[in-house]
Amino acid sequence: MKREWLQMKVRVISLFILFTILFFSLAPFQNFTINILNENSEAIKKFVGENFVEKLKNWDYYILSQWFGKNFGQFIPILAIIIAFPLFSREYENETITFLLSRQNRKTIFLQKTLLSIFVLLILITYFSYLPSIYSLITSKELSILTVSKFYIHSLIGSFFWFSIALVFTTYFTDL
């Protein structure tokens, strides 16, 4: 398990930095976004609707639509695939699978790698789902924790779905 954590460390740190930068390039700029959309109000009304800019002035709507809907929400499948795909394929690339299989049985290897990946995915999804709530507390903006929790559950289900698909795909082609 320790070896798997060390191999996954670079991916986790990279994803953590990338998504944190993504969030902080979005959250503080609510007023800037609204000002830009107000300057192009005719085009916005034509393509998005009459009261879209008014809805974005509400912090709840802004975070839920921009973070969960457009940014983090769209990257959840990619996040799950990045965590799941290299689990077994790297063992074949580095030709260490025979060494692993000579030391432990297949079920133990599979469970260790899978459980660690699920744990890492759970931590990442939890942190980035509740990051808007933490930011809202610090900046004294109101955000519905119930709605954030609903999106968190939705994100968990989606990430575990894509994780399982990637895991089945990689184990099928690596013959583990």
Protein backbone atom coordinates (compact mmCIF):
# COMPACT_ATOMS: atom_id res chain seq x y z
CA MET A 1 0.00 0.00 0.00
CA LYS A 2 2.86 2.38 0.81
CA ARG A 3 4.47 1.82 -2.57
CA GLU A 4 1.20 2.60 -4.31
CA TRP A 5 0.83 5.84 -2.38
CA LEU A 6 4.31 6.95 -3.42
CA GLN A 7 3.55 6.24 -7.06
CA MET A 8 0.26 8.10 -6.87
CA LYS A 9 1.72 11.07 -5.01
CA VAL A 10 2.76 13.01 -8.12
CA ARG A 11 -0.65 12.62 -9.73
CA VAL A 12 -2.47 13.65 -6.57
CA ILE A 13 -0.31 16.71 -5.95
CA SER A 14 -0.62 17.78 -9.58
CA LEU A 15 -4.40 17.41 -9.55
CA PHE A 16 -4.64 19.19 -6.21
CA ILE A 17 -2.63 22.17 -7.50
CA LEU A 18 -4.47 22.27 -10.83
CA PHE A 19 -7.97 22.25 -9.33
CA THR A 20 -7.05 24.71 -6.59
CA ILE A 21 -5.76 27.14 -9.22
CA LEU A 22 -8.90 26.53 -11.24
CA PHE A 23 -11.14 27.33 -8.28
CA PHE A 24 -9.25 30.46 -7.29
CA SER A 25 -9.26 31.69 -10.86
CA LEU A 26 -13.06 31.52 -10.75
CA ALA A 27 -14.35 32.31 -7.26
CA PRO A 28 -12.91 35.80 -6.58
CA PHE A 29 -13.99 37.12 -9.96
CA GLN A 30 -17.77 37.06 -9.61
CA ASN A 31 -18.11 40.85 -9.95
CA PHE A 32 -15.67 40.92 -12.86
CA THR A 33 -17.69 38.25 -14.67
CA ILE A 34 -20.93 40.12 -14.07
CA ASN A 35 -19.42 43.38 -15.38
CA ILE A 36 -18.22 41.70 -18.56
CA LEU A 37 -21.62 40.12 -19.11
CA ASN A 38 -23.36 43.47 -18.49
CA GLU A 39 -21.21 45.10 -21.19
CA ASN A 40 -22.45 42.52 -23.67
CA SER A 41 -26.01 42.40 -22.39
CA GLU A 42 -27.71 42.23 -25.78
CA ALA A 43 -25.77 39.14 -26.84
CA ILE A 44 -26.26 37.55 -23.41
CA LYS A 45 -30.03 38.12 -23.54
CA LYS A 46 -30.14 36.65 -27.02
CA PHE A 47 -28.18 33.47 -26.25
CA VAL A 48 -28.65 32.81 -22.53
CA GLY A 49 -31.81 34.55 -21.45
CA GLU A 50 -33.09 37.70 -19.81
CA ASN A 51 -32.19 37.20 -16.18
CA PHE A 52 -28.98 35.15 -16.37
CA VAL A 53 -26.76 38.02 -15.21
CA GLU A 54 -29.16 38.76 -12.34
CA LYS A 55 -28.97 35.13 -11.25
CA LEU A 56 -25.16 35.26 -11.30
CA LYS A 57 -25.23 38.06 -8.72
CA ASN A 58 -26.44 35.45 -6.25
CA TRP A 59 -23.36 33.71 -4.81
CA ASP A 60 -25.18 30.36 -4.55
CA TYR A 61 -26.10 30.38 -8.22
CA TYR A 62 -22.69 31.64 -9.31
CA ILE A 63 -20.74 28.90 -7.52
CA LEU A 64 -23.17 26.11 -8.35
CA SER A 65 -23.33 27.00 -12.03
CA GLN A 66 -19.73 28.02 -12.59
CA TRP A 67 -17.84 25.62 -10.29
CA PHE A 68 -20.04 22.54 -10.12
CA GLY A 69 -21.68 22.94 -13.49
CA LYS A 70 -18.87 24.09 -15.72
CA ASN A 71 -15.47 23.60 -14.14
CA PHE A 72 -15.17 20.90 -11.50
CA GLY A 73 -18.30 19.10 -12.65
CA GLN A 74 -16.94 18.56 -16.13
CA PHE A 75 -13.55 17.35 -14.94
CA ILE A 76 -14.84 14.65 -12.58
CA PRO A 77 -14.71 11.88 -15.23
CA ILE A 78 -11.20 12.94 -16.22
CA LEU A 79 -10.14 13.03 -12.57
CA ALA A 80 -11.45 9.50 -11.99
CA ILE A 81 -9.77 8.20 -15.12
CA ILE A 82 -6.44 9.82 -14.22
CA ILE A 83 -6.56 8.09 -10.85
CA ALA A 84 -7.67 4.67 -12.17
CA PHE A 85 -5.89 4.15 -15.48
CA PRO A 86 -2.26 3.86 -14.38
CA LEU A 87 -3.02 1.36 -11.61
CA PHE A 88 -2.13 -1.75 -13.56
CA SER A 89 -0.82 -0.47 -16.86
CA ARG A 90 2.33 0.92 -15.22
CA GLU A 91 3.13 -2.51 -13.84
CA TYR A 92 3.18 -3.88 -17.37
CA GLU A 93 5.14 -0.91 -18.76
CA ASN A 94 7.82 -1.25 -16.08
CA GLU A 95 7.66 -5.05 -16.31
CA THR A 96 7.18 -5.34 -12.55
CA ILE A 97 3.94 -7.31 -12.70
CA THR A 98 5.70 -10.67 -12.55
CA PHE A 99 7.61 -9.54 -9.47
CA LEU A 100 4.38 -8.44 -7.84
CA LEU A 101 2.57 -11.65 -8.67
CA SER A 102 5.41 -13.79 -7.34
CA ARG A 103 5.21 -12.04 -3.94
CA GLN A 104 1.43 -11.77 -3.43
CA ASN A 105 -1.71 -13.21 -4.91
CA ARG A 106 -3.77 -11.36 -7.49
CA LYS A 107 -6.65 -10.49 -5.18
CA THR A 108 -4.37 -8.80 -2.65
CA ILE A 109 -2.66 -6.73 -5.32
CA PHE A 110 -5.94 -5.78 -6.91
CA LEU A 111 -7.55 -4.83 -3.58
CA GLN A 112 -4.57 -2.79 -2.38
CA LYS A 113 -4.32 -0.79 -5.58
CA THR A 114 -8.07 -0.30 -5.90
CA LEU A 115 -8.73 0.67 -2.29
CA LEU A 116 -5.91 3.18 -2.25
CA SER A 117 -7.19 4.74 -5.47
CA ILE A 118 -10.74 4.91 -4.14
CA PHE A 119 -9.46 6.53 -0.95
CA VAL A 120 -7.51 9.15 -2.94
CA LEU A 121 -10.47 9.81 -5.21
CA LEU A 122 -12.75 10.20 -2.19
CA ILE A 123 -10.38 12.73 -0.61
CA LEU A 124 -10.05 14.77 -3.82
CA ILE A 125 -13.78 14.83 -4.53
CA THR A 126 -14.58 15.72 -0.91
CA TYR A 127 -12.06 18.54 -0.76
CA PHE A 128 -13.01 20.12 -4.07
CA SER A 129 -16.72 19.75 -3.42
CA TYR A 130 -16.52 21.54 -0.09
CA LEU A 131 -13.86 24.09 -1.11
CA PRO A 132 -16.57 26.59 -2.14
CA SER A 133 -18.11 26.26 1.34
CA ILE A 134 -14.77 26.95 3.01
CA TYR A 135 -14.16 29.91 0.72
CA SER A 136 -17.67 31.21 1.43
CA LEU A 137 -17.07 31.06 5.18
CA ILE A 138 -13.81 32.97 4.86
CA THR A 139 -15.28 35.66 2.58
CA SER A 140 -18.59 35.86 4.51
CA LYS A 141 -20.71 34.87 1.54
CA GLU A 142 -23.73 32.67 1.96
CA LEU A 143 -23.72 29.26 0.36
CA SER A 144 -26.27 26.52 0.99
CA ILE A 145 -24.47 23.57 2.54
CA LEU A 146 -27.41 21.32 1.65
CA THR A 147 -27.05 22.10 -2.04
CA VAL A 148 -23.28 21.64 -1.88
CA SER A 149 -23.83 18.28 -0.18
CA LYS A 150 -26.21 17.22 -2.96
CA PHE A 151 -23.59 18.11 -5.57
CA TYR A 152 -20.99 16.25 -3.50
CA ILE A 153 -23.06 13.06 -3.57
CA HIS A 154 -23.66 13.54 -7.28
CA SER A 155 -19.92 14.03 -7.83
CA LEU A 156 -19.08 10.92 -5.81
CA ILE A 157 -21.48 8.76 -7.79
CA GLY A 158 -20.15 10.11 -11.08
CA SER A 159 -16.52 9.72 -10.11
CA PHE A 160 -16.98 6.16 -8.86
CA PHE A 161 -18.85 5.29 -12.06
CA TRP A 162 -16.01 6.54 -14.25
CA PHE A 163 -13.44 5.02 -11.92
CA SER A 164 -15.06 1.61 -12.22
CA ILE A 165 -15.22 1.86 -16.02
CA ALA A 166 -11.55 2.82 -16.21
CA LEU A 167 -10.63 0.06 -13.77
CA VAL A 168 -12.52 -2.59 -15.73
CA PHE A 169 -10.97 -1.34 -18.96
CA THR A 170 -7.40 -1.43 -17.64
CA THR A 171 -7.72 -4.79 -15.89
CA TYR A 172 -9.30 -6.32 -18.98
CA PHE A 173 -6.43 -5.26 -21.22
CA THR A 174 -3.68 -6.06 -18.72
CA ASP A 175 -4.97 -9.58 -17.96
CA LEU A 176 -4.64 -9.26 -14.20
